[in-house]
Amino acid sequence: MTDNEKRAHDLAVALCMETAHAKSSSLISAGETNITIDYFEEYMSAYTKALEAFNKRFPPEK
């Protein structure tokens, strides 16, 4: 795993939890009673975007 992959993973975990919390809070406020959060999809979305950003900001050495 590269440094950027590690950074992206760490950020994705944090973002995944925050996003899931925000979504579930919003759904609860809207009166939803059956709330399902796909943590894998939330993580992968955050990871992919974070890795792209890290690779752009800190290009991997070859």
Protein backbone atom coordinates (compact mmCIF):
# COMPACT_ATOMS: atom_id res chain seq x y z
CA MET A 1 0.00 0.00 0.00
CA THR A 2 1.40 3.41 -0.94
CA ASP A 3 1.46 6.42 1.36
CA ASN A 4 -1.33 8.00 -0.67
CA GLU A 5 -3.40 4.84 -0.37
CA LYS A 6 -2.89 4.89 3.39
CA ARG A 7 -3.85 8.56 3.55
CA ALA A 8 -6.91 7.96 1.38
CA HIS A 9 -7.96 5.01 3.52
CA ASP A 10 -7.69 6.98 6.75
CA LEU A 11 -9.63 9.90 5.33
CA ALA A 12 -12.24 7.60 3.76
CA VAL A 13 -12.93 5.88 7.08
CA ALA A 14 -13.50 9.23 8.79
CA LEU A 15 -15.62 10.58 5.93
CA CYS A 16 -17.63 7.38 5.69
CA MET A 17 -18.62 7.59 9.33
CA GLU A 18 -19.48 11.29 9.13
CA THR A 19 -21.46 10.86 5.91
CA ALA A 20 -23.39 7.91 7.31
CA HIS A 21 -24.18 9.85 10.48
CA ALA A 22 -25.36 12.88 8.49
CA LYS A 23 -27.51 10.75 6.18
CA SER A 24 -29.09 8.78 9.02
CA SER A 25 -29.78 11.98 11.00
CA SER A 26 -31.42 13.51 7.96
CA LEU A 27 -33.56 10.44 7.39
CA ILE A 28 -34.57 10.31 11.06
CA SER A 29 -35.53 14.00 10.93
CA ALA A 30 -37.64 13.23 7.85
CA GLY A 31 -39.52 10.58 9.82
CA GLU A 32 -37.97 7.52 8.22
CA THR A 33 -38.06 4.41 10.36
CA ASN A 34 -36.25 1.95 8.07
CA ILE A 35 -32.75 3.34 7.59
CA THR A 36 -30.08 1.44 5.71
CA ILE A 37 -26.60 2.78 5.12
CA ASP A 38 -24.31 0.99 2.66
CA TYR A 39 -21.01 1.56 4.43
CA PHE A 40 -19.03 -0.20 1.72
CA GLU A 41 -20.33 2.13 -0.98
CA GLU A 42 -19.82 5.17 1.25
CA TYR A 43 -16.24 4.07 1.96
CA MET A 44 -15.39 3.28 -1.67
CA SER A 45 -16.78 6.60 -2.88
CA ALA A 46 -14.79 8.53 -0.29
CA TYR A 47 -11.66 6.42 -0.87
CA THR A 48 -11.70 6.85 -4.64
CA LYS A 49 -12.14 10.62 -4.43
CA ALA A 50 -9.54 10.96 -1.68
CA LEU A 51 -6.97 8.84 -3.53
CA GLU A 52 -7.42 10.92 -6.69
CA ALA A 53 -6.94 14.11 -4.68
CA PHE A 54 -3.88 12.81 -2.84
CA ASN A 55 -2.28 11.53 -6.06
CA LYS A 56 -2.87 14.92 -7.67
CA ARG A 57 -1.47 16.84 -4.70
CA PHE A 58 1.32 14.37 -3.87
CA PRO A 59 2.21 12.55 -7.12
CA PRO A 60 3.47 9.02 -6.47
CA GLU A 61 7.19 8.63 -7.06
CA LYS A 62 8.16 6.17 -9.75
